[in-house]
């Protein structure tokens, strides 16, 4: 499986929400790479300045479709009063943002990732010998 590297990409528009302001549409690219089978990358378009990237657990995103998930910098939950959306809350020392996304789009993306790497089989995709070799060969100075 290690030689069957696959990257899955999905683009969507999430709404940046923050009462009392109206929602602001933000282009988002979600990526899943079998070389990092536990993680999902999400890149948020920030206008002319470029992209802001976040990496979080695929399981966290999956769990957030069904109920409140996360206890740290990333929290995901079904949106209050909107059964067809989830909210993704991101916190960092430089700020805080809450995005509303269509549950269907996120679920379809996750289904594609699960078809490639079934939940629970992520370890089969890790090349621990290669990763250990990189760690041992790095120059600490």
N, C-alpha and C. Protein backbone atom coordinates (compact mmCIF):
# COMPACT_ATOMS: atom_id res chain seq x y z
N UNK A 1 0.80 -1.19 0.00
CA UNK A 1 0.00 0.00 0.00
C UNK A 1 0.85 1.26 0.00
N UNK A 2 2.03 1.18 0.54
CA UNK A 2 2.86 2.37 0.66
C UNK A 2 3.20 2.97 -0.70
N UNK A 3 3.22 2.17 -1.74
CA UNK A 3 3.53 2.67 -3.07
C UNK A 3 2.29 3.18 -3.81
N UNK A 4 1.11 3.01 -3.21
CA UNK A 4 -0.14 3.44 -3.82
C UNK A 4 -0.54 4.82 -3.31
N UNK A 5 0.41 5.73 -3.27
CA UNK A 5 0.15 7.07 -2.76
C UNK A 5 -0.99 7.75 -3.52
N UNK A 6 -1.91 8.33 -2.77
CA UNK A 6 -3.04 9.03 -3.36
C UNK A 6 -3.29 10.32 -2.59
N UNK A 7 -3.65 11.36 -3.32
CA UNK A 7 -4.09 12.62 -2.71
C UNK A 7 -5.49 12.91 -3.20
N UNK A 8 -6.37 13.22 -2.27
CA UNK A 8 -7.75 13.57 -2.59
C UNK A 8 -7.92 15.05 -2.28
N UNK A 9 -8.49 15.78 -3.22
CA UNK A 9 -8.73 17.22 -3.05
C UNK A 9 -10.21 17.51 -3.30
N UNK A 10 -10.70 18.46 -2.54
CA UNK A 10 -12.07 18.90 -2.72
C UNK A 10 -12.13 20.39 -2.41
N UNK A 11 -12.74 21.14 -3.30
CA UNK A 11 -12.89 22.57 -3.05
C UNK A 11 -14.34 22.85 -2.68
N UNK A 12 -14.50 23.84 -1.82
CA UNK A 12 -15.83 24.21 -1.35
C UNK A 12 -15.79 25.67 -0.94
N UNK A 13 -16.95 26.19 -0.65
CA UNK A 13 -17.06 27.53 -0.09
C UNK A 13 -17.70 27.39 1.29
N UNK A 14 -16.96 27.81 2.30
CA UNK A 14 -17.46 27.84 3.66
C UNK A 14 -17.83 29.28 3.97
N UNK A 15 -18.76 29.46 4.89
CA UNK A 15 -19.11 30.81 5.34
C UNK A 15 -18.38 31.12 6.63
N UNK A 16 -17.65 32.23 6.64
CA UNK A 16 -17.05 32.75 7.87
C UNK A 16 -18.18 33.46 8.60
N UNK A 17 -18.50 32.98 9.79
CA UNK A 17 -19.62 33.54 10.54
C UNK A 17 -19.11 34.23 11.79
N UNK A 18 -19.73 35.33 12.10
CA UNK A 18 -19.35 36.08 13.29
C UNK A 18 -20.35 37.18 13.55
N UNK A 19 -21.41 36.85 14.28
CA UNK A 19 -22.40 37.89 14.56
C UNK A 19 -21.72 39.10 15.15
N UNK A 20 -22.15 40.28 14.87
CA UNK A 20 -23.39 40.63 14.16
C UNK A 20 -23.21 40.78 12.66
N UNK A 21 -22.04 40.47 12.13
CA UNK A 21 -21.78 40.64 10.70
C UNK A 21 -22.43 39.53 9.88
N UNK A 22 -22.79 39.82 8.63
CA UNK A 22 -23.31 38.76 7.77
C UNK A 22 -22.19 37.78 7.42
N UNK A 23 -22.54 36.52 7.08
CA UNK A 23 -21.53 35.53 6.71
C UNK A 23 -20.73 35.99 5.49
N UNK A 24 -19.43 35.64 5.49
CA UNK A 24 -18.53 35.98 4.39
C UNK A 24 -18.09 34.67 3.74
N UNK A 25 -18.34 34.49 2.43
CA UNK A 25 -17.91 33.25 1.77
C UNK A 25 -16.38 33.19 1.65
N UNK A 26 -15.84 32.00 1.95
CA UNK A 26 -14.40 31.78 1.90
C UNK A 26 -14.14 30.50 1.12
N UNK A 27 -13.27 30.58 0.11
CA UNK A 27 -12.89 29.39 -0.64
C UNK A 27 -12.00 28.52 0.23
N UNK A 28 -12.29 27.21 0.23
CA UNK A 28 -11.54 26.25 1.05
C UNK A 28 -11.17 25.05 0.18
N UNK A 29 -9.93 24.60 0.32
CA UNK A 29 -9.53 23.35 -0.31
C UNK A 29 -9.21 22.36 0.78
N UNK A 30 -9.95 21.25 0.79
CA UNK A 30 -9.66 20.15 1.72
C UNK A 30 -8.80 19.14 0.98
N UNK A 31 -7.76 18.63 1.68
CA UNK A 31 -6.86 17.65 1.08
C UNK A 31 -6.65 16.49 2.05
N UNK A 32 -6.53 15.31 1.46
CA UNK A 32 -6.19 14.12 2.23
C UNK A 32 -5.09 13.41 1.45
N UNK A 33 -4.01 13.08 2.13
CA UNK A 33 -2.86 12.46 1.51
C UNK A 33 -2.56 11.15 2.25
N UNK A 34 -2.49 10.05 1.51
CA UNK A 34 -2.27 8.75 2.15
C UNK A 34 -0.91 8.66 2.85
N UNK A 35 0.02 9.58 2.54
CA UNK A 35 1.30 9.58 3.24
C UNK A 35 1.15 10.08 4.68
N UNK A 36 0.03 10.74 4.98
CA UNK A 36 -0.29 11.21 6.34
C UNK A 36 -1.74 10.78 6.60
N UNK A 37 -1.96 9.47 6.79
CA UNK A 37 -3.32 8.91 6.74
C UNK A 37 -4.26 9.32 7.86
N UNK A 38 -3.72 9.90 8.92
CA UNK A 38 -4.58 10.32 10.03
C UNK A 38 -5.07 11.75 9.89
N UNK A 39 -4.53 12.51 8.95
CA UNK A 39 -4.75 13.96 8.92
C UNK A 39 -5.53 14.42 7.69
N UNK A 40 -6.21 15.54 7.86
CA UNK A 40 -6.85 16.29 6.79
C UNK A 40 -6.25 17.68 6.82
N UNK A 41 -5.91 18.21 5.64
CA UNK A 41 -5.44 19.58 5.55
C UNK A 41 -6.58 20.42 4.98
N UNK A 42 -6.75 21.60 5.53
CA UNK A 42 -7.75 22.54 5.02
C UNK A 42 -7.04 23.87 4.79
N UNK A 43 -7.10 24.35 3.56
CA UNK A 43 -6.49 25.64 3.20
C UNK A 43 -7.61 26.64 2.95
N UNK A 44 -7.57 27.75 3.69
CA UNK A 44 -8.60 28.78 3.62
C UNK A 44 -8.04 29.97 2.86
N UNK A 45 -8.74 30.39 1.81
CA UNK A 45 -8.31 31.53 0.99
C UNK A 45 -8.55 32.82 1.78
N UNK A 46 -7.50 33.61 1.91
CA UNK A 46 -7.60 34.83 2.71
C UNK A 46 -7.50 36.09 1.84
N UNK A 47 -8.01 36.02 0.65
CA UNK A 47 -7.93 37.17 -0.25
C UNK A 47 -6.60 37.20 -0.95
N UNK A 48 -6.12 38.40 -1.19
CA UNK A 48 -4.85 38.55 -1.91
C UNK A 48 -3.65 38.05 -1.11
N UNK A 49 -3.81 37.95 0.18
CA UNK A 49 -2.70 37.54 1.05
C UNK A 49 -2.34 36.07 0.88
N UNK A 50 -3.21 35.28 0.29
CA UNK A 50 -2.87 33.88 0.09
C UNK A 50 -3.78 32.93 0.83
N UNK A 51 -3.18 31.91 1.41
CA UNK A 51 -3.91 30.83 2.05
C UNK A 51 -3.44 30.65 3.50
N UNK A 52 -4.37 30.26 4.35
CA UNK A 52 -4.04 29.86 5.71
C UNK A 52 -4.37 28.38 5.80
N UNK A 53 -3.37 27.58 6.21
CA UNK A 53 -3.57 26.14 6.26
C UNK A 53 -3.68 25.63 7.68
N UNK A 54 -4.61 24.69 7.85
CA UNK A 54 -4.79 24.01 9.12
C UNK A 54 -4.72 22.52 8.85
N UNK A 55 -4.18 21.78 9.81
CA UNK A 55 -4.12 20.32 9.73
C UNK A 55 -4.80 19.80 10.98
N UNK A 56 -5.72 18.87 10.77
CA UNK A 56 -6.39 18.27 11.93
C UNK A 56 -6.77 16.84 11.62
N UNK A 57 -7.20 16.14 12.62
CA UNK A 57 -7.49 14.72 12.52
C UNK A 57 -8.69 14.43 11.62
N UNK A 58 -8.53 13.42 10.78
CA UNK A 58 -9.66 12.98 9.96
C UNK A 58 -10.79 12.48 10.85
N UNK A 59 -10.45 11.79 11.94
CA UNK A 59 -11.47 11.31 12.87
C UNK A 59 -12.23 12.47 13.51
N UNK A 60 -11.54 13.57 13.81
CA UNK A 60 -12.19 14.74 14.39
C UNK A 60 -13.24 15.29 13.42
N UNK A 61 -12.89 15.39 12.16
CA UNK A 61 -13.83 15.88 11.16
C UNK A 61 -15.02 14.93 11.03
N UNK A 62 -14.75 13.63 11.02
CA UNK A 62 -15.81 12.63 10.94
C UNK A 62 -16.74 12.72 12.15
N UNK A 63 -16.15 12.78 13.34
CA UNK A 63 -16.96 12.86 14.57
C UNK A 63 -17.78 14.14 14.62
N UNK A 64 -17.23 15.24 14.10
CA UNK A 64 -17.92 16.52 14.13
C UNK A 64 -19.17 16.57 13.26
N UNK A 65 -19.28 15.65 12.31
CA UNK A 65 -20.51 15.58 11.52
C UNK A 65 -21.69 15.08 12.35
N UNK A 66 -21.39 14.31 13.40
CA UNK A 66 -22.44 13.68 14.20
C UNK A 66 -22.72 14.38 15.52
N UNK A 67 -21.71 15.03 16.07
CA UNK A 67 -21.87 15.70 17.36
C UNK A 67 -20.66 16.56 17.64
N UNK A 68 -20.70 17.26 18.75
CA UNK A 68 -19.58 18.14 19.11
C UNK A 68 -18.31 17.32 19.30
N UNK A 69 -17.23 17.77 18.66
CA UNK A 69 -15.95 17.06 18.72
C UNK A 69 -14.82 18.08 18.82
N UNK A 70 -13.80 17.70 19.55
CA UNK A 70 -12.62 18.56 19.68
C UNK A 70 -12.62 19.29 21.00
N UNK A 71 -11.41 19.45 21.54
CA UNK A 71 -11.27 20.13 22.82
C UNK A 71 -10.13 21.14 22.79
N UNK A 72 -9.53 21.33 21.64
CA UNK A 72 -8.38 22.22 21.55
C UNK A 72 -8.60 23.34 20.58
N UNK A 73 -7.63 23.52 19.68
CA UNK A 73 -7.67 24.62 18.72
C UNK A 73 -8.68 24.40 17.59
N UNK A 74 -9.12 23.16 17.41
CA UNK A 74 -10.10 22.85 16.37
C UNK A 74 -11.28 22.16 17.02
N UNK A 75 -12.46 22.74 16.82
CA UNK A 75 -13.71 22.16 17.34
C UNK A 75 -14.69 22.11 16.18
N UNK A 76 -15.38 20.99 16.07
CA UNK A 76 -16.32 20.79 14.97
C UNK A 76 -17.62 20.24 15.55
N UNK A 77 -18.74 20.77 15.04
CA UNK A 77 -20.03 20.34 15.56
C UNK A 77 -21.13 20.62 14.53
N UNK A 78 -22.24 19.88 14.62
CA UNK A 78 -23.38 20.25 13.78
C UNK A 78 -23.83 21.67 14.14
N UNK A 79 -24.24 22.43 13.13
CA UNK A 79 -24.66 23.81 13.37
C UNK A 79 -26.01 23.85 14.08
N UNK A 80 -26.13 24.73 15.06
CA UNK A 80 -27.40 24.92 15.76
C UNK A 80 -28.45 25.43 14.79
N UNK A 81 -29.59 24.78 14.77
CA UNK A 81 -30.70 25.24 13.95
C UNK A 81 -30.54 25.00 12.46
N UNK A 82 -29.52 24.25 12.04
CA UNK A 82 -29.30 23.99 10.61
C UNK A 82 -28.77 22.57 10.47
N UNK A 83 -29.67 21.62 10.27
CA UNK A 83 -29.30 20.21 10.20
C UNK A 83 -28.41 19.86 9.01
N UNK A 84 -28.30 20.78 8.05
CA UNK A 84 -27.52 20.49 6.85
C UNK A 84 -26.13 21.11 6.87
N UNK A 85 -25.73 21.66 8.02
CA UNK A 85 -24.43 22.33 8.11
C UNK A 85 -23.68 21.91 9.37
N UNK A 86 -22.36 22.07 9.29
CA UNK A 86 -21.52 21.92 10.47
C UNK A 86 -20.78 23.23 10.69
N UNK A 87 -20.29 23.42 11.90
CA UNK A 87 -19.45 24.56 12.22
C UNK A 87 -18.06 24.07 12.58
N UNK A 88 -17.08 24.74 12.01
CA UNK A 88 -15.67 24.44 12.29
C UNK A 88 -15.09 25.68 12.95
N UNK A 89 -14.70 25.52 14.19
CA UNK A 89 -14.17 26.64 14.98
C UNK A 89 -12.67 26.47 15.12
N UNK A 90 -11.91 27.47 14.69
CA UNK A 90 -10.45 27.43 14.72
C UNK A 90 -9.94 28.54 15.63
N UNK A 91 -9.01 28.18 16.52
CA UNK A 91 -8.43 29.16 17.44
C UNK A 91 -6.91 29.06 17.39
N UNK A 92 -6.27 30.23 17.42
CA UNK A 92 -4.81 30.28 17.47
C UNK A 92 -4.44 31.55 18.23
N UNK A 93 -3.16 31.71 18.57
CA UNK A 93 -2.76 32.94 19.24
C UNK A 93 -3.05 34.20 18.41
N UNK A 94 -3.14 34.04 17.08
CA UNK A 94 -3.37 35.22 16.24
C UNK A 94 -4.83 35.48 15.94
N UNK A 95 -5.73 34.62 16.42
CA UNK A 95 -7.14 34.90 16.18
C UNK A 95 -8.04 33.70 16.33
N UNK A 96 -9.30 33.94 16.05
CA UNK A 96 -10.36 32.95 16.21
C UNK A 96 -11.31 33.10 15.03
N UNK A 97 -11.76 31.98 14.47
CA UNK A 97 -12.72 32.04 13.36
C UNK A 97 -13.66 30.85 13.44
N UNK A 98 -14.90 31.09 13.05
CA UNK A 98 -15.88 30.02 12.96
C UNK A 98 -16.42 29.99 11.53
N UNK A 99 -16.39 28.80 10.94
CA UNK A 99 -16.86 28.61 9.57
C UNK A 99 -18.06 27.67 9.58
N UNK A 100 -19.00 27.94 8.71
CA UNK A 100 -20.14 27.05 8.51
C UNK A 100 -19.97 26.40 7.15
N UNK A 101 -20.09 25.06 7.13
CA UNK A 101 -19.89 24.29 5.90
C UNK A 101 -21.06 23.34 5.69
N UNK A 102 -21.34 23.03 4.44
CA UNK A 102 -22.39 22.06 4.11
C UNK A 102 -21.94 20.67 4.55
N UNK A 103 -22.72 20.05 5.41
CA UNK A 103 -22.41 18.70 5.90
C UNK A 103 -22.24 17.72 4.75
N UNK A 104 -23.07 17.85 3.72
CA UNK A 104 -23.02 16.93 2.59
C UNK A 104 -21.67 16.97 1.89
N UNK A 105 -21.14 18.18 1.65
CA UNK A 105 -19.85 18.32 0.97
C UNK A 105 -18.72 17.70 1.79
N UNK A 106 -18.74 17.96 3.09
CA UNK A 106 -17.70 17.41 3.97
C UNK A 106 -17.83 15.89 4.05
N UNK A 107 -19.06 15.40 4.15
CA UNK A 107 -19.29 13.96 4.21
C UNK A 107 -18.85 13.27 2.93
N UNK A 108 -19.12 13.87 1.77
CA UNK A 108 -18.68 13.28 0.50
C UNK A 108 -17.16 13.22 0.42
N UNK A 109 -16.49 14.27 0.87
CA UNK A 109 -15.02 14.28 0.90
C UNK A 109 -14.51 13.15 1.80
N UNK A 110 -15.08 13.04 3.00
CA UNK A 110 -14.64 11.99 3.93
C UNK A 110 -14.92 10.59 3.38
N UNK A 111 -16.04 10.41 2.71
CA UNK A 111 -16.34 9.11 2.11
C UNK A 111 -15.26 8.72 1.11
N UNK A 112 -14.82 9.67 0.30
CA UNK A 112 -13.74 9.40 -0.66
C UNK A 112 -12.46 9.00 0.07
N UNK A 113 -12.15 9.66 1.19
CA UNK A 113 -10.94 9.28 1.94
C UNK A 113 -11.08 7.89 2.53
N UNK A 114 -12.27 7.57 3.02
CA UNK A 114 -12.50 6.26 3.64
C UNK A 114 -12.46 5.13 2.61
N UNK A 115 -12.80 5.44 1.36
CA UNK A 115 -12.70 4.43 0.30
C UNK A 115 -11.25 4.08 0.00
N UNK A 116 -10.34 5.03 0.18
CA UNK A 116 -8.92 4.81 -0.08
C UNK A 116 -8.24 4.19 1.15
N UNK A 117 -8.47 4.78 2.31
CA UNK A 117 -7.90 4.28 3.58
C UNK A 117 -9.06 4.11 4.55
N UNK A 118 -9.44 2.86 4.78
CA UNK A 118 -10.56 2.58 5.68
C UNK A 118 -10.21 3.01 7.10
N UNK A 119 -11.19 3.56 7.83
CA UNK A 119 -10.93 3.90 9.22
C UNK A 119 -10.42 2.67 9.98
N UNK A 120 -9.38 2.87 10.76
CA UNK A 120 -8.76 1.78 11.51
C UNK A 120 -7.59 1.13 10.79
N UNK A 121 -7.42 1.43 9.49
CA UNK A 121 -6.31 0.82 8.75
C UNK A 121 -5.21 1.84 8.44
N UNK A 122 -5.24 2.99 9.08
CA UNK A 122 -4.25 4.03 8.80
C UNK A 122 -2.82 3.56 9.02
N UNK A 123 -2.60 2.74 10.05
CA UNK A 123 -1.24 2.25 10.34
C UNK A 123 -0.63 1.50 9.16
N UNK A 124 -1.48 0.85 8.36
CA UNK A 124 -0.98 0.10 7.21
C UNK A 124 -0.33 1.02 6.17
N UNK A 125 -0.64 2.31 6.23
CA UNK A 125 -0.14 3.27 5.26
C UNK A 125 1.10 4.00 5.73
N UNK A 126 1.47 3.80 6.98
CA UNK A 126 2.64 4.49 7.52
C UNK A 126 3.91 3.73 7.18
N UNK A 127 4.93 4.43 6.76
CA UNK A 127 6.25 3.86 6.51
C UNK A 127 7.13 4.27 7.67
N UNK A 128 7.02 3.54 8.77
CA UNK A 128 7.73 3.90 10.00
C UNK A 128 9.25 3.81 9.83
N UNK A 129 9.73 2.86 9.07
CA UNK A 129 11.18 2.74 8.86
C UNK A 129 11.72 3.97 8.14
N UNK A 130 10.98 4.44 7.14
CA UNK A 130 11.40 5.64 6.41
C UNK A 130 11.38 6.86 7.35
N UNK A 131 10.31 7.01 8.11
CA UNK A 131 10.20 8.15 9.03
C UNK A 131 11.30 8.11 10.09
N UNK A 132 11.59 6.94 10.63
CA UNK A 132 12.65 6.80 11.63
C UNK A 132 14.00 7.12 11.00
N UNK A 133 14.22 6.67 9.78
CA UNK A 133 15.48 6.98 9.08
C UNK A 133 15.67 8.47 8.89
N UNK A 134 14.58 9.18 8.57
CA UNK A 134 14.67 10.64 8.43
C UNK A 134 15.00 11.31 9.76
N UNK A 135 14.41 10.82 10.83
CA UNK A 135 14.70 11.39 12.14
C UNK A 135 16.14 11.14 12.57
N UNK A 136 16.63 9.94 12.35
CA UNK A 136 17.98 9.59 12.77
C UNK A 136 19.04 10.23 11.90
N UNK A 137 18.71 10.53 10.65
CA UNK A 137 19.71 11.11 9.76
C UNK A 137 19.76 12.63 9.84
N UNK A 138 18.81 13.24 10.51
CA UNK A 138 18.81 14.71 10.58
C UNK A 138 19.93 15.19 11.50
N UNK A 139 20.52 16.28 11.09
CA UNK A 139 21.63 16.88 11.83
C UNK A 139 21.06 17.80 12.91
N UNK A 140 21.29 17.48 14.21
CA UNK A 140 20.68 18.28 15.27
C UNK A 140 21.31 19.67 15.43
N UNK A 141 22.43 19.94 14.79
CA UNK A 141 23.05 21.24 14.97
C UNK A 141 22.56 22.28 13.99
